[in-house]
Amino acid sequence: MKKKTTAATKTRPMANNFFEDVYEVTKLIPRGRVTSYGAIARYLGTKMSARMVGWAMNAVHGHHPIPAHRVVNSQGLLTGKAHFETPSTMQKRLEKEGIRIKNDKVVDFERRFWDPSVELV
């Protein structure tokens, strides 16, 4: 996934291609599905951690048309919700796509989970 997005690079400089690679994978998450920070990190096959994917997701808010709301932690928790416009924005976007949330967690996480290492073969 070493594809560079020229428009994004012109509007805001990136520290490296890792963030752009994360964004390219995130754009592929289907509507009504979620993935985890760790699943993206594993798919990219880098030594970067799930935490680095989280930093990329945090940096994207307001700058890209990236569906960051579809990236949750490995248990299905909406740990990134504080980085959206309001604390309820992430949940509202997921619910609009048919994903049920209870106590900040995707209710049927196993069924909704999209693994890029499996899906993007």
Protein backbone atom coordinates (compact mmCIF):
# COMPACT_ATOMS: atom_id res chain seq x y z
CA MET A 1 0.00 0.00 0.00
CA LYS A 2 2.72 2.48 -0.83
CA LYS A 3 0.31 4.63 -2.86
CA LYS A 4 0.76 8.34 -2.19
CA THR A 5 -2.19 10.65 -2.15
CA THR A 6 -0.98 13.84 -3.71
CA ALA A 7 -3.88 15.99 -2.55
CA ALA A 8 -3.34 15.00 1.08
CA THR A 9 0.38 15.61 0.85
CA LYS A 10 -0.11 19.09 -0.59
CA THR A 11 -2.60 20.17 2.07
CA ARG A 12 -0.71 18.85 5.05
CA PRO A 13 2.74 17.26 5.19
CA MET A 14 3.05 13.73 6.51
CA ALA A 15 5.85 12.51 8.73
CA ASN A 16 6.10 9.39 6.56
CA ASN A 17 4.04 7.10 4.34
CA PHE A 18 2.75 5.03 7.26
CA PHE A 19 -0.16 7.40 7.96
CA GLU A 20 -1.12 7.42 4.28
CA ASP A 21 -0.97 3.61 4.19
CA VAL A 22 -3.27 3.49 7.23
CA TYR A 23 -5.70 5.86 5.49
CA GLU A 24 -5.72 3.78 2.30
CA VAL A 25 -6.64 0.64 4.27
CA THR A 26 -9.26 2.53 6.30
CA LYS A 27 -10.95 3.73 3.11
CA LEU A 28 -11.51 0.07 2.17
CA ILE A 29 -13.50 -0.85 5.31
CA PRO A 30 -17.01 -1.55 4.04
CA ARG A 31 -19.98 0.39 5.35
CA GLY A 32 -21.52 -1.45 8.30
CA ARG A 33 -18.24 -3.13 9.26
CA VAL A 34 -15.43 -2.26 11.69
CA THR A 35 -11.80 -3.18 12.10
CA SER A 36 -9.24 -2.67 14.82
CA TYR A 37 -6.08 -0.63 15.10
CA GLY A 38 -4.09 -3.83 15.50
CA ALA A 39 -5.63 -5.49 12.43
CA ILE A 40 -4.56 -2.54 10.29
CA ALA A 41 -1.04 -2.63 11.77
CA ARG A 42 -0.75 -6.39 11.10
CA TYR A 43 -2.02 -6.00 7.54
CA LEU A 44 0.54 -3.33 6.78
CA GLY A 45 3.20 -5.75 7.97
CA THR A 46 5.26 -3.06 9.56
CA LYS A 47 6.83 -2.89 12.97
CA MET A 48 4.40 -0.10 13.78
CA SER A 49 1.98 -0.83 16.55
CA ALA A 50 -1.74 -0.49 16.98
CA ARG A 51 -0.93 2.66 18.94
CA MET A 52 0.68 4.19 15.83
CA VAL A 53 -2.47 3.37 13.84
CA GLY A 54 -4.41 5.17 16.58
CA TRP A 55 -2.18 8.22 16.17
CA ALA A 56 -2.85 8.16 12.43
CA MET A 57 -6.59 7.98 13.07
CA ASN A 58 -6.35 10.87 15.54
CA ALA A 59 -4.44 12.97 12.99
CA VAL A 60 -7.00 12.39 10.23
CA HIS A 61 -9.99 14.08 11.87
CA GLY A 62 -11.15 17.03 9.84
CA HIS A 63 -8.51 16.60 7.13
CA HIS A 64 -9.52 13.57 5.06
CA PRO A 65 -12.67 11.82 3.92
CA ILE A 66 -11.52 8.77 5.89
CA PRO A 67 -14.11 6.62 7.75
CA ALA A 68 -12.15 6.73 11.02
CA HIS A 69 -15.34 5.88 12.93
CA ARG A 70 -15.00 2.30 11.61
CA VAL A 71 -11.74 1.71 13.52
CA VAL A 72 -12.17 0.49 17.10
CA ASN A 73 -9.97 -1.31 19.60
CA SER A 74 -9.44 -5.08 19.62
CA GLN A 75 -12.46 -5.66 21.89
CA GLY A 76 -14.79 -3.49 19.81
CA LEU A 77 -14.66 -0.50 22.15
CA LEU A 78 -15.04 3.02 20.75
CA THR A 79 -11.76 4.18 22.29
CA GLY A 80 -11.29 6.91 19.66
CA LYS A 81 -14.61 8.63 20.32
CA ALA A 82 -13.02 11.57 22.14
CA HIS A 83 -11.26 12.62 18.93
CA PHE A 84 -14.47 13.29 16.98
CA GLU A 85 -16.49 16.51 16.87
CA THR A 86 -18.47 15.37 19.91
CA PRO A 87 -18.09 12.28 22.13
CA SER A 88 -21.21 10.77 20.54
CA THR A 89 -20.28 11.37 16.87
CA MET A 90 -18.45 8.06 16.41
CA GLN A 91 -21.37 6.07 17.83
CA LYS A 92 -23.93 7.99 15.76
CA ARG A 93 -21.99 7.33 12.55
CA LEU A 94 -21.72 3.62 13.30
CA GLU A 95 -25.40 3.37 14.21
CA LYS A 96 -26.30 5.13 10.96
CA GLU A 97 -24.54 2.23 9.21
CA GLY A 98 -26.59 -0.33 11.15
CA ILE A 99 -24.01 -1.15 13.83
CA ARG A 100 -25.45 -1.48 17.33
CA ILE A 101 -23.48 0.04 20.20
CA LYS A 102 -23.99 -0.64 23.89
CA ASN A 103 -21.81 0.91 26.61
CA ASP A 104 -19.36 2.24 23.99
CA LYS A 105 -18.88 -1.21 22.47
CA VAL A 106 -19.89 -2.79 19.16
CA VAL A 107 -22.58 -5.30 20.18
CA ASP A 108 -21.85 -7.98 17.56
CA PHE A 109 -18.17 -7.19 17.14
CA GLU A 110 -17.13 -10.66 15.91
CA ARG A 111 -19.74 -10.59 13.15
CA ARG A 112 -19.02 -6.99 12.16
CA PHE A 113 -15.23 -7.35 12.27
CA TRP A 114 -13.46 -6.78 8.95
CA ASP A 115 -9.91 -8.17 8.87
CA PRO A 116 -7.86 -6.60 6.07
CA SER A 117 -5.40 -9.53 6.20
CA VAL A 118 -8.26 -11.85 5.19
CA GLU A 119 -10.44 -9.55 3.10
CA LEU A 120 -7.69 -7.95 1.02
CA VAL A 121 -6.03 -11.11 -0.25
